[in-house]
């Protein structure tokens, strides 16, 4: 997770376009509001390069939630990073689908 913080306003329903199909999927990481503005990094298991997305407040039909959205990911297994060196978990992204990951409520062993 990046250590800098952004001040984003709320995101309304329909404001994120997901590119789904073929060899492309998406990932949504659900968090608590305490992570609002934080960036969460992910990496495909066969790559060192990481990508990140900011946690934003999202207004949806049933209320408000906080999440980071990765709209256009290549199919594969991904690591979700708690910090620079500690995984928070793993998730598989499949083509044409949205993978969902719930951010852990407590830090994993070895987290810095």
N, C-alpha and C. Protein backbone atom coordinates (compact mmCIF):
# COMPACT_ATOMS: atom_id res chain seq x y z
N UNK A 1 0.85 -1.16 0.00
CA UNK A 1 0.00 0.00 0.00
C UNK A 1 0.90 1.23 0.00
N UNK A 2 0.60 2.17 -0.89
CA UNK A 2 1.37 3.41 -0.91
C UNK A 2 1.14 4.18 0.38
N UNK A 3 2.16 4.87 0.85
CA UNK A 3 2.07 5.58 2.12
C UNK A 3 1.53 7.00 1.97
N UNK A 4 1.28 7.46 0.75
CA UNK A 4 0.71 8.80 0.64
C UNK A 4 -0.80 8.71 0.56
N UNK A 5 -1.45 9.80 0.88
CA UNK A 5 -2.89 9.86 1.02
C UNK A 5 -3.44 10.89 0.03
N UNK A 6 -4.55 10.56 -0.59
CA UNK A 6 -5.20 11.48 -1.52
C UNK A 6 -6.55 11.90 -0.96
N UNK A 7 -6.98 13.08 -1.33
CA UNK A 7 -8.28 13.58 -0.89
C UNK A 7 -9.25 13.48 -2.06
N UNK A 8 -9.91 12.34 -2.19
CA UNK A 8 -10.89 12.13 -3.25
C UNK A 8 -12.28 12.34 -2.72
N UNK A 9 -13.12 12.91 -3.54
CA UNK A 9 -14.52 13.02 -3.20
C UNK A 9 -15.22 11.70 -3.46
N UNK A 10 -16.50 11.62 -3.14
CA UNK A 10 -17.24 10.38 -3.36
C UNK A 10 -17.40 10.09 -4.85
N UNK A 11 -17.53 8.82 -5.16
CA UNK A 11 -17.73 8.36 -6.53
C UNK A 11 -19.15 7.86 -6.65
N UNK A 12 -19.86 8.33 -7.64
CA UNK A 12 -21.24 7.91 -7.83
C UNK A 12 -21.34 6.62 -8.61
N UNK A 13 -22.49 6.01 -8.55
CA UNK A 13 -22.77 4.79 -9.28
C UNK A 13 -22.61 5.03 -10.78
N UNK A 14 -21.95 4.12 -11.47
CA UNK A 14 -21.78 4.24 -12.91
C UNK A 14 -20.60 5.08 -13.34
N UNK A 15 -19.76 5.54 -12.42
CA UNK A 15 -18.65 6.41 -12.80
C UNK A 15 -17.37 5.66 -13.13
N UNK A 16 -17.35 4.33 -12.94
CA UNK A 16 -16.19 3.52 -13.27
C UNK A 16 -16.60 2.56 -14.38
N UNK A 17 -15.82 2.54 -15.46
CA UNK A 17 -16.09 1.64 -16.57
C UNK A 17 -15.16 0.44 -16.45
N UNK A 18 -15.75 -0.76 -16.44
CA UNK A 18 -14.97 -1.98 -16.32
C UNK A 18 -14.83 -2.61 -17.70
N UNK A 19 -13.60 -2.99 -18.06
CA UNK A 19 -13.34 -3.62 -19.35
C UNK A 19 -13.30 -5.13 -19.13
N UNK A 20 -14.44 -5.79 -19.41
CA UNK A 20 -14.57 -7.22 -19.15
C UNK A 20 -14.74 -7.99 -20.45
N UNK A 21 -14.13 -9.15 -20.52
CA UNK A 21 -14.32 -10.03 -21.66
C UNK A 21 -13.01 -10.61 -22.15
N UNK A 22 -13.10 -11.75 -22.77
CA UNK A 22 -11.91 -12.40 -23.31
C UNK A 22 -10.87 -12.64 -22.24
N UNK A 23 -9.72 -11.99 -22.38
CA UNK A 23 -8.60 -12.14 -21.46
C UNK A 23 -8.52 -10.99 -20.46
N UNK A 24 -9.65 -10.32 -20.23
CA UNK A 24 -9.67 -9.15 -19.36
C UNK A 24 -10.76 -9.27 -18.30
N UNK A 25 -10.37 -8.99 -17.06
CA UNK A 25 -11.31 -8.99 -15.95
C UNK A 25 -11.10 -7.76 -15.09
N UNK A 26 -11.77 -7.71 -13.97
CA UNK A 26 -11.66 -6.57 -13.06
C UNK A 26 -11.57 -7.09 -11.63
N UNK A 27 -11.11 -6.21 -10.74
CA UNK A 27 -10.99 -6.53 -9.32
C UNK A 27 -11.54 -5.38 -8.51
N UNK A 28 -12.33 -5.71 -7.51
CA UNK A 28 -12.79 -4.72 -6.53
C UNK A 28 -12.31 -5.19 -5.16
N UNK A 29 -11.60 -4.29 -4.45
CA UNK A 29 -11.16 -4.57 -3.09
C UNK A 29 -12.01 -3.72 -2.15
N UNK A 30 -12.78 -4.39 -1.30
CA UNK A 30 -13.64 -3.70 -0.34
C UNK A 30 -12.87 -3.46 0.95
N UNK A 31 -12.96 -2.24 1.47
CA UNK A 31 -12.25 -1.87 2.69
C UNK A 31 -13.21 -1.16 3.63
N UNK A 32 -12.71 -0.78 4.76
CA UNK A 32 -13.45 0.10 5.66
C UNK A 32 -13.17 1.55 5.30
N UNK A 33 -13.93 2.46 5.86
CA UNK A 33 -13.75 3.88 5.55
C UNK A 33 -12.42 4.45 6.03
N UNK A 34 -11.77 3.76 6.99
CA UNK A 34 -10.48 4.25 7.50
C UNK A 34 -9.39 4.22 6.44
N UNK A 35 -9.59 3.51 5.35
CA UNK A 35 -8.59 3.48 4.27
C UNK A 35 -8.91 4.46 3.14
N UNK A 36 -9.94 5.26 3.31
CA UNK A 36 -10.31 6.24 2.28
C UNK A 36 -9.09 7.07 1.85
N UNK A 37 -8.82 7.10 0.55
CA UNK A 37 -7.70 7.87 0.00
C UNK A 37 -6.39 7.11 -0.08
N UNK A 38 -6.27 5.98 0.59
CA UNK A 38 -5.05 5.18 0.53
C UNK A 38 -4.99 4.42 -0.78
N UNK A 39 -3.79 4.16 -1.25
CA UNK A 39 -3.61 3.38 -2.47
C UNK A 39 -3.20 1.97 -2.10
N UNK A 40 -3.86 1.01 -2.70
CA UNK A 40 -3.55 -0.40 -2.47
C UNK A 40 -2.90 -0.95 -3.73
N UNK A 41 -1.75 -1.60 -3.55
CA UNK A 41 -1.02 -2.17 -4.67
C UNK A 41 -1.39 -3.63 -4.88
N UNK A 42 -1.37 -4.03 -6.15
CA UNK A 42 -1.52 -5.43 -6.52
C UNK A 42 -0.44 -5.76 -7.55
N UNK A 43 -0.13 -7.03 -7.67
CA UNK A 43 0.79 -7.47 -8.73
C UNK A 43 0.36 -8.85 -9.20
N UNK A 44 0.53 -9.05 -10.50
CA UNK A 44 0.28 -10.38 -11.05
C UNK A 44 1.40 -11.29 -10.58
N UNK A 45 1.09 -12.52 -10.23
CA UNK A 45 2.08 -13.41 -9.62
C UNK A 45 3.31 -13.66 -10.49
N UNK A 46 3.19 -13.52 -11.80
CA UNK A 46 4.34 -13.76 -12.66
C UNK A 46 5.06 -12.48 -13.06
N UNK A 47 4.76 -11.37 -12.38
CA UNK A 47 5.38 -10.08 -12.69
C UNK A 47 5.84 -9.38 -11.40
N UNK A 48 6.91 -8.61 -11.50
CA UNK A 48 7.35 -7.80 -10.35
C UNK A 48 6.63 -6.46 -10.30
N UNK A 49 6.23 -5.97 -11.46
CA UNK A 49 5.57 -4.67 -11.56
C UNK A 49 4.25 -4.68 -10.79
N UNK A 50 4.03 -3.61 -10.05
CA UNK A 50 2.78 -3.45 -9.29
C UNK A 50 1.96 -2.32 -9.88
N UNK A 51 0.68 -2.39 -9.67
CA UNK A 51 -0.21 -1.31 -10.01
C UNK A 51 -1.02 -0.96 -8.76
N UNK A 52 -1.53 0.24 -8.70
CA UNK A 52 -2.28 0.63 -7.51
C UNK A 52 -3.56 1.37 -7.89
N UNK A 53 -4.45 1.40 -6.93
CA UNK A 53 -5.70 2.14 -7.07
C UNK A 53 -6.05 2.71 -5.70
N UNK A 54 -6.66 3.88 -5.70
CA UNK A 54 -7.03 4.53 -4.45
C UNK A 54 -8.37 4.03 -3.95
N UNK A 55 -8.48 3.92 -2.65
CA UNK A 55 -9.75 3.59 -2.00
C UNK A 55 -10.60 4.85 -2.03
N UNK A 56 -11.81 4.68 -2.54
CA UNK A 56 -12.73 5.82 -2.63
C UNK A 56 -14.07 5.47 -2.02
N UNK A 57 -14.75 6.49 -1.57
CA UNK A 57 -16.11 6.33 -1.08
C UNK A 57 -17.01 6.19 -2.31
N UNK A 58 -17.83 5.16 -2.33
CA UNK A 58 -18.69 4.91 -3.49
C UNK A 58 -20.15 4.83 -3.04
N UNK A 59 -20.95 5.67 -3.66
CA UNK A 59 -22.38 5.68 -3.38
C UNK A 59 -23.05 4.68 -4.32
N UNK A 60 -23.66 3.68 -3.74
CA UNK A 60 -24.34 2.64 -4.51
C UNK A 60 -25.80 2.57 -4.07
N UNK A 61 -26.56 1.78 -4.78
CA UNK A 61 -28.00 1.71 -4.52
C UNK A 61 -28.33 1.42 -3.05
N UNK A 62 -27.54 0.56 -2.41
CA UNK A 62 -27.84 0.16 -1.04
C UNK A 62 -27.14 1.00 0.03
N UNK A 63 -26.45 2.07 -0.36
CA UNK A 63 -25.78 2.91 0.63
C UNK A 63 -24.41 3.36 0.17
N UNK A 64 -23.47 3.35 1.10
CA UNK A 64 -22.11 3.83 0.83
C UNK A 64 -21.13 2.72 1.20
N UNK A 65 -20.14 2.51 0.34
CA UNK A 65 -19.07 1.58 0.66
C UNK A 65 -17.75 2.20 0.25
N UNK A 66 -16.66 1.60 0.69
CA UNK A 66 -15.32 2.06 0.34
C UNK A 66 -14.61 0.93 -0.38
N UNK A 67 -14.01 1.27 -1.52
CA UNK A 67 -13.34 0.23 -2.30
C UNK A 67 -12.31 0.83 -3.23
N UNK A 68 -11.39 -0.04 -3.66
CA UNK A 68 -10.43 0.27 -4.71
C UNK A 68 -10.83 -0.58 -5.90
N UNK A 69 -10.86 0.02 -7.09
CA UNK A 69 -11.30 -0.69 -8.29
C UNK A 69 -10.16 -0.75 -9.30
N UNK A 70 -9.95 -1.93 -9.84
CA UNK A 70 -8.95 -2.18 -10.89
C UNK A 70 -9.75 -2.65 -12.11
N UNK A 71 -10.03 -1.74 -13.05
CA UNK A 71 -11.03 -2.01 -14.08
C UNK A 71 -10.59 -2.85 -15.27
N UNK A 72 -9.32 -3.03 -15.50
CA UNK A 72 -8.86 -3.68 -16.73
C UNK A 72 -7.62 -4.52 -16.43
N UNK A 73 -7.83 -5.73 -15.91
CA UNK A 73 -6.71 -6.59 -15.53
C UNK A 73 -6.64 -7.81 -16.45
N UNK A 74 -5.42 -8.18 -16.78
CA UNK A 74 -5.21 -9.40 -17.53
C UNK A 74 -5.53 -10.60 -16.63
N UNK A 75 -6.10 -11.63 -17.21
CA UNK A 75 -6.43 -12.84 -16.48
C UNK A 75 -5.18 -13.37 -15.77
N UNK A 76 -5.33 -13.83 -14.53
CA UNK A 76 -4.23 -14.41 -13.79
C UNK A 76 -4.44 -14.37 -12.30
N UNK A 77 -3.42 -14.83 -11.59
CA UNK A 77 -3.41 -14.81 -10.12
C UNK A 77 -2.68 -13.55 -9.67
N UNK A 78 -3.26 -12.84 -8.71
CA UNK A 78 -2.71 -11.58 -8.23
C UNK A 78 -2.47 -11.62 -6.72
N UNK A 79 -1.42 -10.91 -6.30
CA UNK A 79 -1.18 -10.68 -4.89
C UNK A 79 -1.68 -9.29 -4.55
N UNK A 80 -2.42 -9.17 -3.47
CA UNK A 80 -2.85 -7.88 -2.93
C UNK A 80 -1.88 -7.57 -1.80
N UNK A 81 -1.25 -6.38 -1.85
CA UNK A 81 -0.18 -6.05 -0.91
C UNK A 81 -0.69 -5.21 0.25
N UNK A 82 -0.37 -5.66 1.47
CA UNK A 82 -0.68 -4.92 2.70
C UNK A 82 0.24 -3.71 2.82
N UNK A 83 1.53 -3.94 2.56
CA UNK A 83 2.55 -2.89 2.55
C UNK A 83 3.58 -3.28 1.50
N UNK A 84 4.73 -2.63 1.51
CA UNK A 84 5.73 -2.87 0.47
C UNK A 84 6.22 -4.31 0.39
N UNK A 85 6.18 -5.03 1.50
CA UNK A 85 6.75 -6.38 1.49
C UNK A 85 5.81 -7.49 1.99
N UNK A 86 4.63 -7.15 2.48
CA UNK A 86 3.74 -8.13 3.09
C UNK A 86 2.45 -8.30 2.28
N UNK A 87 2.19 -9.52 1.83
CA UNK A 87 0.92 -9.75 1.13
C UNK A 87 -0.27 -9.70 2.10
N UNK A 88 -1.36 -9.13 1.62
CA UNK A 88 -2.61 -9.15 2.38
C UNK A 88 -3.45 -10.35 1.97
N UNK A 89 -3.16 -10.88 0.79
CA UNK A 89 -3.91 -12.03 0.29
C UNK A 89 -3.68 -12.21 -1.19
N UNK A 90 -4.42 -13.15 -1.76
CA UNK A 90 -4.30 -13.45 -3.18
C UNK A 90 -5.70 -13.60 -3.77
N UNK A 91 -5.79 -13.35 -5.07
CA UNK A 91 -7.07 -13.41 -5.76
C UNK A 91 -6.83 -13.82 -7.21
N UNK A 92 -7.75 -14.55 -7.78
CA UNK A 92 -7.69 -14.92 -9.20
C UNK A 92 -8.65 -14.04 -9.99
N UNK A 93 -8.16 -13.52 -11.10
CA UNK A 93 -8.98 -12.72 -12.01
C UNK A 93 -9.23 -13.57 -13.26
N UNK A 94 -10.50 -13.70 -13.62
CA UNK A 94 -10.86 -14.46 -14.81
C UNK A 94 -11.47 -13.53 -15.85
N UNK A 95 -11.37 -13.93 -17.10
CA UNK A 95 -11.89 -13.11 -18.19
C UNK A 95 -13.40 -12.95 -18.13
N UNK A 96 -13.85 -11.74 -18.34
CA UNK A 96 -15.27 -11.45 -18.37
C UNK A 96 -15.94 -11.38 -17.02
N UNK A 97 -15.15 -11.36 -15.94
CA UNK A 97 -15.73 -11.39 -14.60
C UNK A 97 -15.10 -10.35 -13.68
N UNK A 98 -15.80 -10.08 -12.59
CA UNK A 98 -15.30 -9.18 -11.55
C UNK A 98 -14.91 -10.02 -10.34
N UNK A 99 -13.63 -9.98 -9.97
CA UNK A 99 -13.16 -10.64 -8.75
C UNK A 99 -13.35 -9.68 -7.59
N UNK A 100 -13.68 -10.21 -6.41
CA UNK A 100 -13.89 -9.39 -5.23
C UNK A 100 -13.01 -9.87 -4.09
N UNK A 101 -12.40 -8.90 -3.40
CA UNK A 101 -11.49 -9.20 -2.29
C UNK A 101 -11.87 -8.29 -1.13
N UNK A 102 -11.97 -8.86 0.05
CA UNK A 102 -12.28 -8.07 1.25
C UNK A 102 -10.98 -7.84 2.00
N UNK A 103 -10.64 -6.56 2.21
CA UNK A 103 -9.41 -6.18 2.91
C UNK A 103 -9.45 -6.75 4.33
N UNK A 104 -8.34 -7.36 4.78
CA UNK A 104 -8.32 -7.94 6.15
C UNK A 104 -8.54 -6.86 7.22
N UNK A 105 -9.17 -7.27 8.30
CA UNK A 105 -9.43 -6.32 9.40
C UNK A 105 -8.25 -6.18 10.35
N UNK A 106 -7.29 -7.11 10.26
CA UNK A 106 -6.08 -6.99 11.07
C UNK A 106 -4.86 -7.30 10.20
N UNK A 107 -3.72 -6.77 10.61
CA UNK A 107 -2.51 -6.92 9.80
C UNK A 107 -2.04 -8.38 9.79
N UNK A 108 -1.55 -8.81 8.63
CA UNK A 108 -1.02 -10.17 8.53
C UNK A 108 0.31 -10.30 9.27
N UNK A 109 0.73 -11.52 9.62
CA UNK A 109 2.01 -11.72 10.29
C UNK A 109 3.15 -11.15 9.46
N UNK A 110 4.07 -10.44 10.10
CA UNK A 110 5.21 -9.86 9.42
C UNK A 110 4.98 -8.49 8.82
N UNK A 111 3.76 -7.95 8.94
CA UNK A 111 3.48 -6.63 8.38
C UNK A 111 4.28 -5.56 9.11
N UNK A 112 4.76 -4.59 8.32
CA UNK A 112 5.58 -3.53 8.90
C UNK A 112 4.88 -2.33 9.27
